């Protein structure tokens, strides 16, 4: 979007509505209240959005829609923006240590919201749950899905769209569980020590190892793909 006259909040909603059908005036105001955007104001006090602010808002909405990132993670990425750098278009491979230490219960979504966001059928979602690829929590007899589970469901949906079946994806879960067990054993001494310092060190070790493992797995996969493309 080129520089030009400032847009009102209503004009911004109309501009982004096709790409982000869920965007509303209330949502934009909420993001402003959380400190993620800071539109200017006219002399009459109305919000004014210039191209940089619209670009920033689009990035936030993309991260929520495509990666289901919590706002505090998006906010930390936007610190790059505030320094004049472009934030990474993709989320980090590993978890954030602070998130691992966060005892607050995660926000959850119900089944209908997961089906809509992940673009799955009810039968497909049930298959993913039955195979352990997606693991909702049951609260008061109702399945509740964390943002992480919804993100997994969305990526599984993309793979299903390429022709894979849920049973084919079970090996991915098994591989992740084996990696998690490796890290559980590695950090057992730290986790047995219940002091805050040991707990933080365990979280930092787990986050760092998870990121490194994710990158190693991605690189190995890329190498294997190149090899059989060249067969």
C-alpha atoms as a PDB file:
ATOM      1  CA  UNK A   1       0.000   0.000   0.000  1.00  0.00           C
ATOM      2  CA  UNK A   2       1.539   3.338  -1.025  1.00  0.00           C
ATOM      3  CA  UNK A   3       1.718   6.331   1.248  1.00  0.00           C
ATOM      4  CA  UNK A   4      -1.303   8.526   0.938  1.00  0.00           C
ATOM      5  CA  UNK A   5      -4.099  10.059   2.945  1.00  0.00           C
ATOM      6  CA  UNK A   6      -4.695   8.533   6.354  1.00  0.00           C
ATOM      7  CA  UNK A   7      -7.510   5.987   6.614  1.00  0.00           C
ATOM      8  CA  UNK A   8     -10.230   5.890   9.229  1.00  0.00           C
ATOM      9  CA  UNK A   9     -10.787   2.738  11.246  1.00  0.00           C
ATOM     10  CA  UNK A  10     -13.825   1.917   9.116  1.00  0.00           C
ATOM     11  CA  UNK A  11     -11.832   2.284   5.915  1.00  0.00           C
ATOM     12  CA  UNK A  12      -9.137  -0.008   7.308  1.00  0.00           C
ATOM     13  CA  UNK A  13     -11.760  -2.645   8.151  1.00  0.00           C
ATOM     14  CA  UNK A  14     -13.114  -2.463   4.594  1.00  0.00           C
ATOM     15  CA  UNK A  15      -9.580  -2.717   3.191  1.00  0.00           C
ATOM     16  CA  UNK A  16      -8.747  -5.845   5.186  1.00  0.00           C
ATOM     17  CA  UNK A  17     -12.153  -7.529   5.321  1.00  0.00           C
ATOM     18  CA  UNK A  18     -11.703  -9.801   2.299  1.00  0.00           C
ATOM     19  CA  UNK A  19      -8.366 -11.096   3.604  1.00  0.00           C
ATOM     20  CA  UNK A  20      -9.425 -11.227   7.262  1.00  0.00           C
ATOM     21  CA  UNK A  21     -13.221 -11.727   7.499  1.00  0.00           C
ATOM     22  CA  UNK A  22     -13.071 -11.749  11.316  1.00  0.00           C
ATOM     23  CA  UNK A  23     -11.568  -8.278  11.650  1.00  0.00           C
ATOM     24  CA  UNK A  24     -13.867  -5.810  13.381  1.00  0.00           C
ATOM     25  CA  UNK A  25     -13.674  -2.335  14.847  1.00  0.00           C
ATOM     26  CA  UNK A  26     -13.722  -3.883  18.325  1.00  0.00           C
ATOM     27  CA  UNK A  27     -10.795  -6.157  17.481  1.00  0.00           C
ATOM     28  CA  UNK A  28      -8.696  -3.278  16.140  1.00  0.00           C
ATOM     29  CA  UNK A  29      -9.463  -1.251  19.247  1.00  0.00           C
ATOM     30  CA  UNK A  30      -8.514  -4.240  21.409  1.00  0.00           C
ATOM     31  CA  UNK A  31      -5.153  -4.588  19.643  1.00  0.00           C
ATOM     32  CA  UNK A  32      -4.583  -0.901  20.235  1.00  0.00           C
ATOM     33  CA  UNK A  33      -5.462  -1.315  23.917  1.00  0.00           C
ATOM     34  CA  UNK A  34      -2.906  -4.145  24.159  1.00  0.00           C
ATOM     35  CA  UNK A  35      -0.205  -1.865  22.765  1.00  0.00           C
ATOM     36  CA  UNK A  36       0.321  -3.720  19.474  1.00  0.00           C
ATOM     37  CA  UNK A  37      -0.722  -0.815  17.259  1.00  0.00           C
ATOM     38  CA  UNK A  38      -0.711   2.920  17.857  1.00  0.00           C
ATOM     39  CA  UNK A  39      -2.650   4.802  15.192  1.00  0.00           C
ATOM     40  CA  UNK A  40      -2.436   8.558  15.084  1.00  0.00           C
ATOM     41  CA  UNK A  41      -5.313  10.856  15.896  1.00  0.00           C
ATOM     42  CA  UNK A  42      -6.937  13.642  13.947  1.00  0.00           C
ATOM     43  CA  UNK A  43      -7.550  17.026  15.518  1.00  0.00           C
ATOM     44  CA  UNK A  44     -11.062  15.763  16.225  1.00  0.00           C
ATOM     45  CA  UNK A  45      -9.725  12.702  18.058  1.00  0.00           C
ATOM     46  CA  UNK A  46     -10.493  10.095  15.368  1.00  0.00           C
ATOM     47  CA  UNK A  47      -8.015   7.293  14.702  1.00  0.00           C
ATOM     48  CA  UNK A  48      -5.872   7.700  11.579  1.00  0.00           C
ATOM     49  CA  UNK A  49      -4.077   4.790   9.946  1.00  0.00           C
ATOM     50  CA  UNK A  50      -1.170   5.432   7.596  1.00  0.00           C
ATOM     51  CA  UNK A  51       0.406   2.737   5.385  1.00  0.00           C
ATOM     52  CA  UNK A  52       2.948   1.621   8.011  1.00  0.00           C
ATOM     53  CA  UNK A  53       0.230   1.100  10.616  1.00  0.00           C
ATOM     54  CA  UNK A  54      -1.970  -0.818   8.168  1.00  0.00           C
ATOM     55  CA  UNK A  55       1.016  -3.011   7.269  1.00  0.00           C
ATOM     56  CA  UNK A  56       1.654  -3.634  10.968  1.00  0.00           C
ATOM     57  CA  UNK A  57      -1.990  -4.521  11.566  1.00  0.00           C
ATOM     58  CA  UNK A  58      -1.994  -6.905   8.590  1.00  0.00           C
ATOM     59  CA  UNK A  59       1.085  -8.658  10.004  1.00  0.00           C
ATOM     60  CA  UNK A  60      -0.600  -9.102  13.402  1.00  0.00           C
ATOM     61  CA  UNK A  61      -3.729 -10.545  11.828  1.00  0.00           C
ATOM     62  CA  UNK A  62      -1.660 -12.909   9.658  1.00  0.00           C
ATOM     63  CA  UNK A  63       0.231 -14.252  12.672  1.00  0.00           C
ATOM     64  CA  UNK A  64      -3.037 -14.855  14.525  1.00  0.00           C
ATOM     65  CA  UNK A  65      -4.733 -16.511  11.556  1.00  0.00           C
ATOM     66  CA  UNK A  66      -1.881 -18.589  10.149  1.00  0.00           C
ATOM     67  CA  UNK A  67       0.164 -19.420  13.244  1.00  0.00           C
ATOM     68  CA  UNK A  68      -2.281 -18.881  16.143  1.00  0.00           C
ATOM     69  CA  UNK A  69       0.417 -16.995  18.039  1.00  0.00           C
ATOM     70  CA  UNK A  70      -0.580 -15.448  21.365  1.00  0.00           C
ATOM     71  CA  UNK A  71      -0.535 -11.672  21.441  1.00  0.00           C
ATOM     72  CA  UNK A  72       2.444 -11.476  23.796  1.00  0.00           C
ATOM     73  CA  UNK A  73       4.568 -13.422  21.293  1.00  0.00           C
ATOM     74  CA  UNK A  74       3.432 -11.203  18.423  1.00  0.00           C
ATOM     75  CA  UNK A  75       4.176  -8.152  20.561  1.00  0.00           C
ATOM     76  CA  UNK A  76       7.713  -9.368  21.193  1.00  0.00           C
ATOM     77  CA  UNK A  77       8.223  -9.835  17.436  1.00  0.00           C
ATOM     78  CA  UNK A  78       6.989  -6.306  16.830  1.00  0.00           C
ATOM     79  CA  UNK A  79       9.878  -4.929  18.856  1.00  0.00           C
ATOM     80  CA  UNK A  80      11.888  -5.546  15.652  1.00  0.00           C
ATOM     81  CA  UNK A  81       9.417  -3.347  13.827  1.00  0.00           C
ATOM     82  CA  UNK A  82       9.900  -0.600  16.396  1.00  0.00           C
ATOM     83  CA  UNK A  83      13.664  -0.772  15.818  1.00  0.00           C
ATOM     84  CA  UNK A  84      13.150  -0.290  12.103  1.00  0.00           C
ATOM     85  CA  UNK A  85      13.592  -3.968  11.183  1.00  0.00           C
ATOM     86  CA  UNK A  86      11.132  -6.328   9.547  1.00  0.00           C
ATOM     87  CA  UNK A  87       9.756  -8.991  11.915  1.00  0.00           C
ATOM     88  CA  UNK A  88      10.190 -12.600  10.909  1.00  0.00           C
ATOM     89  CA  UNK A  89       7.354 -13.790   8.632  1.00  0.00           C
ATOM     90  CA  UNK A  90       7.279 -17.125  10.456  1.00  0.00           C
ATOM     91  CA  UNK A  91       7.159 -17.943  14.164  1.00  0.00           C
ATOM     92  CA  UNK A  92      10.195 -19.348  15.956  1.00  0.00           C
ATOM     93  CA  UNK A  93      10.683 -23.121  15.697  1.00  0.00           C
ATOM     94  CA  UNK A  94      10.937 -23.692  19.444  1.00  0.00           C
ATOM     95  CA  UNK A  95       8.820 -22.517  22.376  1.00  0.00           C
ATOM     96  CA  UNK A  96       9.503 -19.351  24.322  1.00  0.00           C
ATOM     97  CA  UNK A  97      10.960 -20.141  27.793  1.00  0.00           C
ATOM     98  CA  UNK A  98       8.669 -17.558  29.392  1.00  0.00           C
ATOM     99  CA  UNK A  99       5.648 -19.308  27.903  1.00  0.00           C
ATOM    100  CA  UNK A 100       6.826 -22.642  29.299  1.00  0.00           C
ATOM    101  CA  UNK A 101       6.954 -21.042  32.743  1.00  0.00           C
ATOM    102  CA  UNK A 102       3.548 -19.377  32.378  1.00  0.00           C
ATOM    103  CA  UNK A 103       1.111 -21.098  34.739  1.00  0.00           C
ATOM    104  CA  UNK A 104      -1.929 -19.236  33.394  1.00  0.00           C
ATOM    105  CA  UNK A 105      -4.339 -21.589  31.614  1.00  0.00           C
ATOM    106  CA  UNK A 106      -4.207 -21.050  27.832  1.00  0.00           C
ATOM    107  CA  UNK A 107      -7.104 -19.572  25.928  1.00  0.00           C
ATOM    108  CA  UNK A 108      -9.126 -22.316  24.285  1.00  0.00           C
ATOM    109  CA  UNK A 109     -11.534 -22.765  21.385  1.00  0.00           C
ATOM    110  CA  UNK A 110     -14.477 -25.091  20.980  1.00  0.00           C
ATOM    111  CA  UNK A 111     -14.882 -27.713  18.269  1.00  0.00           C
ATOM    112  CA  UNK A 112     -16.857 -25.500  15.894  1.00  0.00           C
ATOM    113  CA  UNK A 113     -14.192 -22.800  16.022  1.00  0.00           C
ATOM    114  CA  UNK A 114     -11.438 -25.363  15.362  1.00  0.00           C
ATOM    115  CA  UNK A 115     -13.302 -26.782  12.367  1.00  0.00           C
ATOM    116  CA  UNK A 116     -13.647 -23.300  10.922  1.00  0.00           C
ATOM    117  CA  UNK A 117     -10.088 -22.126  11.585  1.00  0.00           C
ATOM    118  CA  UNK A 118      -8.359 -25.355  10.568  1.00  0.00           C
ATOM    119  CA  UNK A 119     -10.689 -25.951   7.600  1.00  0.00           C
ATOM    120  CA  UNK A 120     -11.341 -29.553   8.621  1.00  0.00           C
ATOM    121  CA  UNK A 121     -14.435 -31.707   8.438  1.00  0.00           C
ATOM    122  CA  UNK A 122     -15.820 -33.143  11.642  1.00  0.00           C
ATOM    123  CA  UNK A 123     -14.728 -36.643  10.544  1.00  0.00           C
ATOM    124  CA  UNK A 124     -11.177 -35.446   9.828  1.00  0.00           C
ATOM    125  CA  UNK A 125     -10.875 -33.726  13.202  1.00  0.00           C
ATOM    126  CA  UNK A 126     -12.156 -36.830  14.988  1.00  0.00           C
ATOM    127  CA  UNK A 127      -9.547 -38.923  13.177  1.00  0.00           C
ATOM    128  CA  UNK A 128      -6.772 -36.548  14.238  1.00  0.00           C
ATOM    129  CA  UNK A 129      -7.963 -36.697  17.836  1.00  0.00           C
ATOM    130  CA  UNK A 130      -8.329 -40.498  17.796  1.00  0.00           C
ATOM    131  CA  UNK A 131      -4.758 -40.850  16.501  1.00  0.00           C
ATOM    132  CA  UNK A 132      -3.385 -38.492  19.140  1.00  0.00           C
ATOM    133  CA  UNK A 133      -2.270 -35.846  16.660  1.00  0.00           C
ATOM    134  CA  UNK A 134      -4.561 -33.290  18.287  1.00  0.00           C
ATOM    135  CA  UNK A 135      -5.241 -33.562  22.014  1.00  0.00           C
ATOM    136  CA  UNK A 136      -8.109 -31.409  23.330  1.00  0.00           C
ATOM    137  CA  UNK A 137      -8.851 -31.042  27.019  1.00  0.00           C
ATOM    138  CA  UNK A 138     -12.340 -31.923  28.222  1.00  0.00           C
ATOM    139  CA  UNK A 139     -13.905 -29.222  30.373  1.00  0.00           C
ATOM    140  CA  UNK A 140     -17.410 -29.703  31.736  1.00  0.00           C
ATOM    141  CA  UNK A 141     -17.990 -32.387  29.114  1.00  0.00           C
ATOM    142  CA  UNK A 142     -16.929 -30.143  26.216  1.00  0.00           C
ATOM    143  CA  UNK A 143     -13.728 -30.456  24.181  1.00  0.00           C
ATOM    144  CA  UNK A 144     -11.485 -27.387  24.513  1.00  0.00           C
ATOM    145  CA  UNK A 145      -8.559 -26.813  22.131  1.00  0.00           C
ATOM    146  CA  UNK A 146      -5.545 -24.650  22.899  1.00  0.00           C
ATOM    147  CA  UNK A 147      -4.067 -22.362  20.243  1.00  0.00           C
ATOM    148  CA  UNK A 148      -1.216 -24.853  19.823  1.00  0.00           C
ATOM    149  CA  UNK A 149      -3.605 -27.720  19.122  1.00  0.00           C
ATOM    150  CA  UNK A 150      -5.482 -25.577  16.604  1.00  0.00           C
ATOM    151  CA  UNK A 151      -2.199 -24.749  14.862  1.00  0.00           C
ATOM    152  CA  UNK A 152      -1.413 -28.478  14.633  1.00  0.00           C
ATOM    153  CA  UNK A 153      -4.896 -29.134  13.257  1.00  0.00           C
ATOM    154  CA  UNK A 154      -4.409 -26.426  10.614  1.00  0.00           C
ATOM    155  CA  UNK A 155      -1.099 -27.885   9.424  1.00  0.00           C
ATOM    156  CA  UNK A 156      -2.615 -31.381   9.359  1.00  0.00           C
ATOM    157  CA  UNK A 157      -5.430 -29.967   7.242  1.00  0.00           C
ATOM    158  CA  UNK A 158      -2.888 -28.695   4.712  1.00  0.00           C
ATOM    159  CA  UNK A 159      -1.236 -32.130   4.572  1.00  0.00           C
ATOM    160  CA  UNK A 160      -4.589 -33.837   4.132  1.00  0.00           C
ATOM    161  CA  UNK A 161      -5.243 -31.480   1.256  1.00  0.00           C
ATOM    162  CA  UNK A 162      -2.145 -32.838  -0.483  1.00  0.00           C
ATOM    163  CA  UNK A 163      -3.560 -36.352  -0.320  1.00  0.00           C
ATOM    164  CA  UNK A 164      -2.170 -37.759   2.924  1.00  0.00           C
ATOM    165  CA  UNK A 165      -4.498 -39.494   5.363  1.00  0.00           C
ATOM    166  CA  UNK A 166      -4.634 -39.022   9.155  1.00  0.00           C
ATOM    167  CA  UNK A 167      -3.045 -42.440   9.721  1.00  0.00           C
ATOM    168  CA  UNK A 168      -0.046 -41.322   7.660  1.00  0.00           C
ATOM    169  CA  UNK A 169       0.527 -38.436  10.056  1.00  0.00           C
ATOM    170  CA  UNK A 170       0.683 -40.612  13.162  1.00  0.00           C
ATOM    171  CA  UNK A 171       4.421 -41.153  12.610  1.00  0.00           C
ATOM    172  CA  UNK A 172       4.950 -37.404  12.987  1.00  0.00           C
ATOM    173  CA  UNK A 173       3.438 -37.500  16.470  1.00  0.00           C
ATOM    174  CA  UNK A 174       5.512 -40.552  17.389  1.00  0.00           C
ATOM    175  CA  UNK A 175       8.698 -38.787  16.294  1.00  0.00           C
ATOM    176  CA  UNK A 176       7.813 -35.711  18.338  1.00  0.00           C
ATOM    177  CA  UNK A 177       7.033 -37.829  21.397  1.00  0.00           C
ATOM    178  CA  UNK A 178      10.429 -39.525  21.115  1.00  0.00           C
ATOM    179  CA  UNK A 179      12.146 -36.126  20.930  1.00  0.00           C
ATOM    180  CA  UNK A 180      10.162 -34.944  23.953  1.00  0.00           C
ATOM    181  CA  UNK A 181      11.194 -38.032  25.909  1.00  0.00           C
ATOM    182  CA  UNK A 182      14.839 -37.316  25.069  1.00  0.00           C
ATOM    183  CA  UNK A 183      14.498 -33.782  26.443  1.00  0.00           C
ATOM    184  CA  UNK A 184      12.564 -35.023  29.484  1.00  0.00           C
ATOM    185  CA  UNK A 185      15.488 -37.273  30.395  1.00  0.00           C
ATOM    186  CA  UNK A 186      18.027 -34.518  29.713  1.00  0.00           C
ATOM    187  CA  UNK A 187      16.350 -32.043  32.058  1.00  0.00           C
ATOM    188  CA  UNK A 188      15.249 -34.495  34.775  1.00  0.00           C
ATOM    189  CA  UNK A 189      17.821 -33.283  37.363  1.00  0.00           C
ATOM    190  CA  UNK A 190      16.843 -29.652  36.851  1.00  0.00           C
ATOM    191  CA  UNK A 191      13.130 -30.423  37.001  1.00  0.00           C
ATOM    192  CA  UNK A 192      13.548 -32.342  40.256  1.00  0.00           C
ATOM    193  CA  UNK A 193      14.987 -29.185  41.786  1.00  0.00           C
ATOM    194  CA  UNK A 194      11.891 -27.075  42.416  1.00  0.00           C
ATOM    195  CA  UNK A 195      13.709 -23.770  42.908  1.00  0.00           C
ATOM    196  CA  UNK A 196      12.675 -20.916  40.567  1.00  0.00           C
ATOM    197  CA  UNK A 197      16.219 -20.672  39.214  1.00  0.00           C
ATOM    198  CA  UNK A 198      16.364 -24.381  38.327  1.00  0.00           C
ATOM    199  CA  UNK A 199      12.918 -24.244  36.796  1.00  0.00           C
ATOM    200  CA  UNK A 200      13.928 -21.313  34.591  1.00  0.00           C
ATOM    201  CA  UNK A 201      17.123 -23.060  33.562  1.00  0.00           C
ATOM    202  CA  UNK A 202      15.105 -26.156  32.658  1.00  0.00           C
ATOM    203  CA  UNK A 203      12.730 -24.040  30.571  1.00  0.00           C
ATOM    204  CA  UNK A 204      15.612 -22.349  28.758  1.00  0.00           C
ATOM    205  CA  UNK A 205      17.278 -25.705  28.071  1.00  0.00           C
ATOM    206  CA  UNK A 206      14.037 -27.238  26.795  1.00  0.00           C
ATOM    207  CA  UNK A 207      13.274 -24.238  24.578  1.00  0.00           C
ATOM    208  CA  UNK A 208      16.774 -24.137  23.130  1.00  0.00           C
ATOM    209  CA  UNK A 209      16.876 -27.878  22.476  1.00  0.00           C
ATOM    210  CA  UNK A 210      13.396 -27.845  20.933  1.00  0.00           C
ATOM    211  CA  UNK A 211      14.410 -25.101  18.525  1.00  0.00           C
ATOM    212  CA  UNK A 212      17.639 -26.883  17.567  1.00  0.00           C
ATOM    213  CA  UNK A 213      15.831 -30.215  17.111  1.00  0.00           C
ATOM    214  CA  UNK A 214      13.219 -28.539  14.939  1.00  0.00           C
ATOM    215  CA  UNK A 215      15.878 -27.031  12.718  1.00  0.00           C
ATOM    216  CA  UNK A 216      17.813 -30.311  12.475  1.00  0.00           C
ATOM    217  CA  UNK A 217      14.651 -32.180  11.498  1.00  0.00           C
ATOM    218  CA  UNK A 218      13.795 -29.542   8.888  1.00  0.00           C
ATOM    219  CA  UNK A 219      17.300 -29.697   7.404  1.00  0.00           C
ATOM    220  CA  UNK A 220      17.309 -33.503   7.294  1.00  0.00           C
ATOM    221  CA  UNK A 221      13.903 -33.490   5.612  1.00  0.00           C
ATOM    222  CA  UNK A 222      15.088 -30.916   3.060  1.00  0.00           C
ATOM    223  CA  UNK A 223      18.126 -33.086   2.295  1.00  0.00           C
ATOM    224  CA  UNK A 224      16.026 -36.201   1.824  1.00  0.00           C
ATOM    225  CA  UNK A 225      13.649 -34.332  -0.469  1.00  0.00           C
ATOM    226  CA  UNK A 226      16.507 -33.087  -2.619  1.00  0.00           C
ATOM    227  CA  UNK A 227      17.950 -36.606  -2.856  1.00  0.00           C
ATOM    228  CA  UNK A 228      14.840 -38.302  -4.162  1.00  0.00           C
ATOM    229  CA  UNK A 229      14.013 -35.411  -6.504  1.00  0.00           C
ATOM    230  CA  UNK A 230      17.390 -36.029  -8.098  1.00  0.00           C
ATOM    231  CA  UNK A 231      17.042 -39.836  -8.288  1.00  0.00           C
END
